[in-house]
Amino acid sequence: MQMNMEKLDRITLNPNICLGQPTIRGMRITVSVILKMLANSKSVAEVLQAYPELEAEDIQQALKYAAWVVSDQIQIVPTA
């Protein structure tokens, strides 16, 4: 499945907000904060409770953005 960046309309990049890190809808909530919470076993409901200004679709797009970014990474793995 190929991810189209245009469909990630809730992810914003602005050099004047959070040092240009990807944020949700221009708020000062970074994609990385959401991902770290989820990676530390927080549920979507817990993330939404911690950040009531977020919506479930914001979290879904944060996950899609992370998948899109990682899929574009090329790593050279030594074979020997």
PDB file of N, CA and C in Angstrom:
ATOM      1  N   MET A   1       0.845  -1.191   0.000  1.00  0.00           N
ATOM      2  CA  MET A   1       0.000   0.000   0.000  1.00  0.00           C
ATOM      3  C   MET A   1       0.879   1.239   0.000  1.00  0.00           C
ATOM      4  N   GLN A   2       0.667   2.107  -0.922  1.00  0.00           N
ATOM      5  CA  GLN A   2       1.457   3.332  -0.998  1.00  0.00           C
ATOM      6  C   GLN A   2       0.695   4.464  -0.314  1.00  0.00           C
ATOM      7  N   MET A   3       1.383   5.186   0.529  1.00  0.00           N
ATOM      8  CA  MET A   3       0.770   6.271   1.295  1.00  0.00           C
ATOM      9  C   MET A   3       0.886   7.567   0.498  1.00  0.00           C
ATOM     10  N   ASN A   4      -0.202   8.251   0.368  1.00  0.00           N
ATOM     11  CA  ASN A   4      -0.206   9.542  -0.295  1.00  0.00           C
ATOM     12  C   ASN A   4      -0.158  10.630   0.778  1.00  0.00           C
ATOM     13  N   MET A   5       0.894  11.396   0.794  1.00  0.00           N
ATOM     14  CA  MET A   5       1.082  12.426   1.811  1.00  0.00           C
ATOM     15  C   MET A   5      -0.065  13.432   1.807  1.00  0.00           C
ATOM     16  N   GLU A   6      -0.700  13.652   0.660  1.00  0.00           N
ATOM     17  CA  GLU A   6      -1.780  14.624   0.571  1.00  0.00           C
ATOM     18  C   GLU A   6      -2.971  14.251   1.451  1.00  0.00           C
ATOM     19  N   LYS A   7      -3.158  12.983   1.741  1.00  0.00           N
ATOM     20  CA  LYS A   7      -4.276  12.537   2.565  1.00  0.00           C
ATOM     21  C   LYS A   7      -4.032  12.789   4.050  1.00  0.00           C
ATOM     22  N   LEU A   8      -2.836  13.203   4.396  1.00  0.00           N
ATOM     23  CA  LEU A   8      -2.509  13.483   5.794  1.00  0.00           C
ATOM     24  C   LEU A   8      -2.699  14.977   6.060  1.00  0.00           C
ATOM     25  N   ASP A   9      -3.933  15.422   5.960  1.00  0.00           N
ATOM     26  CA  ASP A   9      -4.221  16.844   6.059  1.00  0.00           C
ATOM     27  C   ASP A   9      -4.223  17.375   7.486  1.00  0.00           C
ATOM     28  N   ARG A  10      -4.092  16.506   8.476  1.00  0.00           N
ATOM     29  CA  ARG A  10      -4.042  16.951   9.865  1.00  0.00           C
ATOM     30  C   ARG A  10      -2.607  17.096  10.370  1.00  0.00           C
ATOM     31  N   ILE A  11      -1.656  16.630   9.596  1.00  0.00           N
ATOM     32  CA  ILE A  11      -0.239  16.727   9.968  1.00  0.00           C
ATOM     33  C   ILE A  11       0.314  17.994   9.334  1.00  0.00           C
ATOM     34  N   THR A  12       0.864  18.865  10.169  1.00  0.00           N
ATOM     35  CA  THR A  12       1.383  20.126   9.659  1.00  0.00           C
ATOM     36  C   THR A  12       2.858  20.276  10.012  1.00  0.00           C
ATOM     37  N   LEU A  13       3.559  20.919   9.106  1.00  0.00           N
ATOM     38  CA  LEU A  13       4.978  21.217   9.306  1.00  0.00           C
ATOM     39  C   LEU A  13       5.146  22.725   9.181  1.00  0.00           C
ATOM     40  N   ASN A  14       5.581  23.347  10.264  1.00  0.00           N
ATOM     41  CA  ASN A  14       5.764  24.792  10.271  1.00  0.00           C
ATOM     42  C   ASN A  14       7.032  25.084  11.058  1.00  0.00           C
ATOM     43  N   PRO A  15       8.015  25.720  10.423  1.00  0.00           N
ATOM     44  CA  PRO A  15       9.276  25.991  11.113  1.00  0.00           C
ATOM     45  C   PRO A  15       9.117  26.854  12.368  1.00  0.00           C
ATOM     46  N   ASN A  16       8.005  27.552  12.485  1.00  0.00           N
ATOM     47  CA  ASN A  16       7.771  28.411  13.646  1.00  0.00           C
ATOM     48  C   ASN A  16       7.029  27.717  14.784  1.00  0.00           C
ATOM     49  N   ILE A  17       6.639  26.470  14.580  1.00  0.00           N
ATOM     50  CA  ILE A  17       5.928  25.716  15.618  1.00  0.00           C
ATOM     51  C   ILE A  17       6.731  24.465  15.937  1.00  0.00           C
ATOM     52  N   CYS A  18       7.115  24.323  17.192  1.00  0.00           N
ATOM     53  CA  CYS A  18       7.858  23.137  17.673  1.00  0.00           C
ATOM     54  C   CYS A  18       9.094  22.843  16.824  1.00  0.00           C
ATOM     55  N   LEU A  19       9.794  23.901  16.450  1.00  0.00           N
ATOM     56  CA  LEU A  19      11.041  23.779  15.674  1.00  0.00           C
ATOM     57  C   LEU A  19      10.862  23.025  14.365  1.00  0.00           C
ATOM     58  N   GLY A  20       9.673  23.093  13.795  1.00  0.00           N
ATOM     59  CA  GLY A  20       9.423  22.454  12.504  1.00  0.00           C
ATOM     60  C   GLY A  20       9.083  20.981  12.577  1.00  0.00           C
ATOM     61  N   GLN A  21       8.958  20.437  13.778  1.00  0.00           N
ATOM     62  CA  GLN A  21       8.562  19.033  13.898  1.00  0.00           C
ATOM     63  C   GLN A  21       7.124  18.869  13.403  1.00  0.00           C
ATOM     64  N   PRO A  22       6.775  17.688  12.916  1.00  0.00           N
ATOM     65  CA  PRO A  22       5.389  17.466  12.500  1.00  0.00           C
ATOM     66  C   PRO A  22       4.452  17.564  13.706  1.00  0.00           C
ATOM     67  N   THR A  23       3.419  18.369  13.550  1.00  0.00           N
ATOM     68  CA  THR A  23       2.444  18.558  14.618  1.00  0.00           C
ATOM     69  C   THR A  23       1.049  18.228  14.099  1.00  0.00           C
ATOM     70  N   ILE A  24       0.119  18.204  15.032  1.00  0.00           N
ATOM     71  CA  ILE A  24      -1.266  17.941  14.677  1.00  0.00           C
ATOM     72  C   ILE A  24      -1.991  19.268  14.494  1.00  0.00           C
ATOM     73  N   ARG A  25      -2.490  19.492  13.303  1.00  0.00           N
ATOM     74  CA  ARG A  25      -3.309  20.657  12.956  1.00  0.00           C
ATOM     75  C   ARG A  25      -2.727  21.981  13.440  1.00  0.00           C
ATOM     76  N   GLY A  26      -1.397  22.106  13.413  1.00  0.00           N
ATOM     77  CA  GLY A  26      -0.754  23.357  13.784  1.00  0.00           C
ATOM     78  C   GLY A  26      -0.709  23.620  15.278  1.00  0.00           C
ATOM     79  N   MET A  27      -1.222  22.677  16.062  1.00  0.00           N
ATOM     80  CA  MET A  27      -1.142  22.828  17.514  1.00  0.00           C
ATOM     81  C   MET A  27       0.259  22.450  17.963  1.00  0.00           C
ATOM     82  N   ARG A  28       0.563  22.724  19.173  1.00  0.00           N
ATOM     83  CA  ARG A  28       1.885  22.378  19.703  1.00  0.00           C
ATOM     84  C   ARG A  28       1.886  20.975  20.303  1.00  0.00           C
ATOM     85  N   ILE A  29       1.235  20.086  19.605  1.00  0.00           N
ATOM     86  CA  ILE A  29       1.239  18.663  19.967  1.00  0.00           C
ATOM     87  C   ILE A  29       1.911  17.947  18.810  1.00  0.00           C
ATOM     88  N   THR A  30       3.088  17.398  19.082  1.00  0.00           N
ATOM     89  CA  THR A  30       3.850  16.777  17.999  1.00  0.00           C
ATOM     90  C   THR A  30       3.397  15.342  17.758  1.00  0.00           C
ATOM     91  N   VAL A  31       3.629  14.903  16.538  1.00  0.00           N
ATOM     92  CA  VAL A  31       3.360  13.517  16.184  1.00  0.00           C
ATOM     93  C   VAL A  31       4.172  12.605  17.097  1.00  0.00           C
ATOM     94  N   SER A  32       5.394  12.987  17.405  1.00  0.00           N
ATOM     95  CA  SER A  32       6.255  12.133  18.235  1.00  0.00           C
ATOM     96  C   SER A  32       5.687  11.953  19.646  1.00  0.00           C
ATOM     97  N   VAL A  33       5.054  12.980  20.197  1.00  0.00           N
ATOM     98  CA  VAL A  33       4.453  12.846  21.531  1.00  0.00           C
ATOM     99  C   VAL A  33       3.358  11.780  21.504  1.00  0.00           C
ATOM    100  N   ILE A  34       2.535  11.825  20.477  1.00  0.00           N
ATOM    101  CA  ILE A  34       1.456  10.835  20.345  1.00  0.00           C
ATOM    102  C   ILE A  34       2.033   9.439  20.180  1.00  0.00           C
ATOM    103  N   LEU A  35       3.022   9.303  19.313  1.00  0.00           N
ATOM    104  CA  LEU A  35       3.627   7.989  19.067  1.00  0.00           C
ATOM    105  C   LEU A  35       4.293   7.436  20.318  1.00  0.00           C
ATOM    106  N   LYS A  36       4.969   8.287  21.068  1.00  0.00           N
ATOM    107  CA  LYS A  36       5.624   7.834  22.297  1.00  0.00           C
ATOM    108  C   LYS A  36       4.603   7.366  23.322  1.00  0.00           C
ATOM    109  N   MET A  37       3.489   8.064  23.419  1.00  0.00           N
ATOM    110  CA  MET A  37       2.440   7.635  24.352  1.00  0.00           C
ATOM    111  C   MET A  37       1.901   6.263  23.953  1.00  0.00           C
ATOM    112  N   LEU A  38       1.618   6.091  22.664  1.00  0.00           N
ATOM    113  CA  LEU A  38       1.102   4.804  22.198  1.00  0.00           C
ATOM    114  C   LEU A  38       2.137   3.694  22.378  1.00  0.00           C
ATOM    115  N   ALA A  39       3.400   4.021  22.136  1.00  0.00           N
ATOM    116  CA  ALA A  39       4.470   3.028  22.295  1.00  0.00           C
ATOM    117  C   ALA A  39       4.666   2.631  23.755  1.00  0.00           C
ATOM    118  N   ASN A  40       4.264   3.515  24.664  1.00  0.00           N
ATOM    119  CA  ASN A  40       4.366   3.226  26.091  1.00  0.00           C
ATOM    120  C   ASN A  40       3.058   2.694  26.664  1.00  0.00           C
ATOM    121  N   SER A  41       2.321   1.993  25.810  1.00  0.00           N
ATOM    122  CA  SER A  41       1.109   1.259  26.199  1.00  0.00           C
ATOM    123  C   SER A  41      -0.083   2.133  26.582  1.00  0.00           C
ATOM    124  N   LYS A  42      -0.067   3.391  26.189  1.00  0.00           N
ATOM    125  CA  LYS A  42      -1.250   4.219  26.399  1.00  0.00           C
ATOM    126  C   LYS A  42      -2.256   3.904  25.291  1.00  0.00           C
ATOM    127  N   SER A  43      -3.507   3.870  25.649  1.00  0.00           N
ATOM    128  CA  SER A  43      -4.545   3.624  24.656  1.00  0.00           C
ATOM    129  C   SER A  43      -4.894   4.923  23.939  1.00  0.00           C
ATOM    130  N   VAL A  44      -5.610   4.793  22.835  1.00  0.00           N
ATOM    131  CA  VAL A  44      -6.075   5.981  22.125  1.00  0.00           C
ATOM    132  C   VAL A  44      -6.936   6.828  23.062  1.00  0.00           C
ATOM    133  N   ALA A  45      -7.778   6.177  23.847  1.00  0.00           N
ATOM    134  CA  ALA A  45      -8.633   6.900  24.803  1.00  0.00           C
ATOM    135  C   ALA A  45      -7.797   7.680  25.810  1.00  0.00           C
ATOM    136  N   GLU A  46      -6.691   7.098  26.258  1.00  0.00           N
ATOM    137  CA  GLU A  46      -5.821   7.789  27.218  1.00  0.00           C
ATOM    138  C   GLU A  46      -5.126   8.987  26.578  1.00  0.00           C
ATOM    139  N   VAL A  47      -4.734   8.848  25.330  1.00  0.00           N
ATOM    140  CA  VAL A  47      -4.115   9.972  24.618  1.00  0.00           C
ATOM    141  C   VAL A  47      -5.138  11.099  24.463  1.00  0.00           C
ATOM    142  N   LEU A  48      -6.362  10.732  24.088  1.00  0.00           N
ATOM    143  CA  LEU A  48      -7.415  11.735  23.923  1.00  0.00           C
ATOM    144  C   LEU A  48      -7.766  12.398  25.247  1.00  0.00           C
ATOM    145  N   GLN A  49      -7.680  11.647  26.314  1.00  0.00           N
ATOM    146  CA  GLN A  49      -7.954  12.216  27.637  1.00  0.00           C
ATOM    147  C   GLN A  49      -6.843  13.190  28.040  1.00  0.00           C
ATOM    148  N   ALA A  50      -5.594  12.826  27.732  1.00  0.00           N
ATOM    149  CA  ALA A  50      -4.464  13.690  28.072  1.00  0.00           C
ATOM    150  C   ALA A  50      -4.463  14.961  27.228  1.00  0.00           C
ATOM    151  N   TYR A  51      -4.950  14.868  26.007  1.00  0.00           N
ATOM    152  CA  TYR A  51      -4.994  16.003  25.078  1.00  0.00           C
ATOM    153  C   TYR A  51      -6.412  16.130  24.519  1.00  0.00           C
ATOM    154  N   PRO A  52      -7.322  16.719  25.278  1.00  0.00           N
ATOM    155  CA  PRO A  52      -8.728  16.780  24.850  1.00  0.00           C
ATOM    156  C   PRO A  52      -8.966  17.534  23.543  1.00  0.00           C
ATOM    157  N   GLU A  53      -8.005  18.343  23.121  1.00  0.00           N
ATOM    158  CA  GLU A  53      -8.163  19.067  21.858  1.00  0.00           C
ATOM    159  C   GLU A  53      -7.938  18.168  20.645  1.00  0.00           C
ATOM    160  N   LEU A  54      -7.414  16.956  20.870  1.00  0.00           N
ATOM    161  CA  LEU A  54      -7.213  16.002  19.787  1.00  0.00           C
ATOM    162  C   LEU A  54      -8.498  15.247  19.475  1.00  0.00           C
ATOM    163  N   GLU A  55      -8.537  14.707  18.266  1.00  0.00           N
ATOM    164  CA  GLU A  55      -9.623  13.836  17.830  1.00  0.00           C
ATOM    165  C   GLU A  55      -9.014  12.503  17.423  1.00  0.00           C
ATOM    166  N   ALA A  56      -9.821  11.463  17.408  1.00  0.00           N
ATOM    167  CA  ALA A  56      -9.327  10.124  17.058  1.00  0.00           C
ATOM    168  C   ALA A  56      -8.633  10.126  15.696  1.00  0.00           C
ATOM    169  N   GLU A  57      -9.148  10.885  14.737  1.00  0.00           N
ATOM    170  CA  GLU A  57      -8.535  10.948  13.410  1.00  0.00           C
ATOM    171  C   GLU A  57      -7.127  11.545  13.462  1.00  0.00           C
ATOM    172  N   ASP A  58      -6.876  12.433  14.410  1.00  0.00           N
ATOM    173  CA  ASP A  58      -5.524  12.985  14.577  1.00  0.00           C
ATOM    174  C   ASP A  58      -4.539  11.875  14.912  1.00  0.00           C
ATOM    175  N   ILE A  59      -4.947  10.991  15.787  1.00  0.00           N
ATOM    176  CA  ILE A  59      -4.072   9.889  16.199  1.00  0.00           C
ATOM    177  C   ILE A  59      -3.865   8.928  15.037  1.00  0.00           C
ATOM    178  N   GLN A  60      -4.927   8.642  14.289  1.00  0.00           N
ATOM    179  CA  GLN A  60      -4.793   7.758  13.123  1.00  0.00           C
ATOM    180  C   GLN A  60      -3.817   8.348  12.110  1.00  0.00           C
ATOM    181  N   GLN A  61      -3.924   9.645  11.873  1.00  0.00           N
ATOM    182  CA  GLN A  61      -3.017  10.259  10.904  1.00  0.00           C
ATOM    183  C   GLN A  61      -1.590  10.309  11.422  1.00  0.00           C
ATOM    184  N   ALA A  62      -1.404  10.446  12.725  1.00  0.00           N
ATOM    185  CA  ALA A  62      -0.049  10.397  13.287  1.00  0.00           C
ATOM    186  C   ALA A  62       0.576   9.034  13.007  1.00  0.00           C
ATOM    187  N   LEU A  63      -0.196   7.984  13.171  1.00  0.00           N
ATOM    188  CA  LEU A  63       0.300   6.630  12.883  1.00  0.00           C
ATOM    189  C   LEU A  63       0.586   6.457  11.396  1.00  0.00           C
ATOM    190  N   LYS A  64      -0.305   6.949  10.548  1.00  0.00           N
ATOM    191  CA  LYS A  64      -0.090   6.852   9.098  1.00  0.00           C
ATOM    192  C   LYS A  64       1.147   7.638   8.685  1.00  0.00           C
ATOM    193  N   TYR A  65       1.334   8.809   9.282  1.00  0.00           N
ATOM    194  CA  TYR A  65       2.509   9.623   8.971  1.00  0.00           C
ATOM    195  C   TYR A  65       3.784   8.878   9.348  1.00  0.00           C
ATOM    196  N   ALA A  66       3.788   8.274  10.529  1.00  0.00           N
ATOM    197  CA  ALA A  66       4.967   7.520  10.976  1.00  0.00           C
ATOM    198  C   ALA A  66       5.262   6.369  10.009  1.00  0.00           C
ATOM    199  N   ALA A  67       4.234   5.672   9.586  1.00  0.00           N
ATOM    200  CA  ALA A  67       4.423   4.561   8.639  1.00  0.00           C
ATOM    201  C   ALA A  67       4.974   5.082   7.316  1.00  0.00           C
ATOM    202  N   TRP A  68       4.472   6.219   6.865  1.00  0.00           N
ATOM    203  CA  TRP A  68       4.933   6.808   5.616  1.00  0.00           C
ATOM    204  C   TRP A  68       6.401   7.221   5.715  1.00  0.00           C
ATOM    205  N   VAL A  69       6.777   7.840   6.827  1.00  0.00           N
ATOM    206  CA  VAL A  69       8.165   8.284   7.016  1.00  0.00           C
ATOM    207  C   VAL A  69       9.107   7.082   7.058  1.00  0.00           C
ATOM    208  N   VAL A  70       8.746   6.066   7.791  1.00  0.00           N
ATOM    209  CA  VAL A  70       9.620   4.895   7.934  1.00  0.00           C
ATOM    210  C   VAL A  70       9.728   4.133   6.613  1.00  0.00           C
ATOM    211  N   SER A  71       8.663   4.111   5.836  1.00  0.00           N
ATOM    212  CA  SER A  71       8.699   3.365   4.572  1.00  0.00           C
ATOM    213  C   SER A  71       9.650   4.001   3.570  1.00  0.00           C
ATOM    214  N   ASP A  72       9.950   5.273   3.736  1.00  0.00           N
ATOM    215  CA  ASP A  72      10.874   5.949   2.840  1.00  0.00           C
ATOM    216  C   ASP A  72      12.335   5.858   3.291  1.00  0.00           C
ATOM    217  N   GLN A  73      12.576   5.223   4.412  1.00  0.00           N
ATOM    218  CA  GLN A  73      13.936   5.087   4.923  1.00  0.00           C
ATOM    219  C   GLN A  73      14.617   3.899   4.252  1.00  0.00           C
ATOM    220  N   ILE A  74      15.805   4.130   3.773  1.00  0.00           N
ATOM    221  CA  ILE A  74      16.597   3.063   3.178  1.00  0.00           C
ATOM    222  C   ILE A  74      17.789   2.808   4.088  1.00  0.00           C
ATOM    223  N   GLN A  75      17.892   1.610   4.559  1.00  0.00           N
ATOM    224  CA  GLN A  75      19.000   1.241   5.438  1.00  0.00           C
ATOM    225  C   GLN A  75      19.851   0.183   4.736  1.00  0.00           C
ATOM    226  N   ILE A  76      21.131   0.391   4.768  1.00  0.00           N
ATOM    227  CA  ILE A  76      22.047  -0.601   4.219  1.00  0.00           C
ATOM    228  C   ILE A  76      22.445  -1.521   5.350  1.00  0.00           C
ATOM    229  N   VAL A  77      22.091  -2.773   5.193  1.00  0.00           N
ATOM    230  CA  VAL A  77      22.383  -3.768   6.230  1.00  0.00           C
ATOM    231  C   VAL A  77      23.581  -4.587   5.758  1.00  0.00           C
ATOM    232  N   PRO A  78      24.649  -4.598   6.567  1.00  0.00           N
ATOM    233  CA  PRO A  78      25.813  -5.394   6.158  1.00  0.00           C
ATOM    234  C   PRO A  78      25.456  -6.879   6.110  1.00  0.00           C
ATOM    235  N   THR A  79      25.977  -7.563   5.107  1.00  0.00           N
ATOM    236  CA  THR A  79      25.674  -8.986   4.956  1.00  0.00           C
ATOM    237  C   THR A  79      26.776  -9.867   5.508  1.00  0.00           C
ATOM    238  N   ALA A  80      27.880  -9.279   5.851  1.00  0.00           N
ATOM    239  CA  ALA A  80      28.969 -10.111   6.374  1.00  0.00           C
ATOM    240  C   ALA A  80      29.444  -9.626   7.718  1.00  0.00           C
TER     241      ALA A  80
END
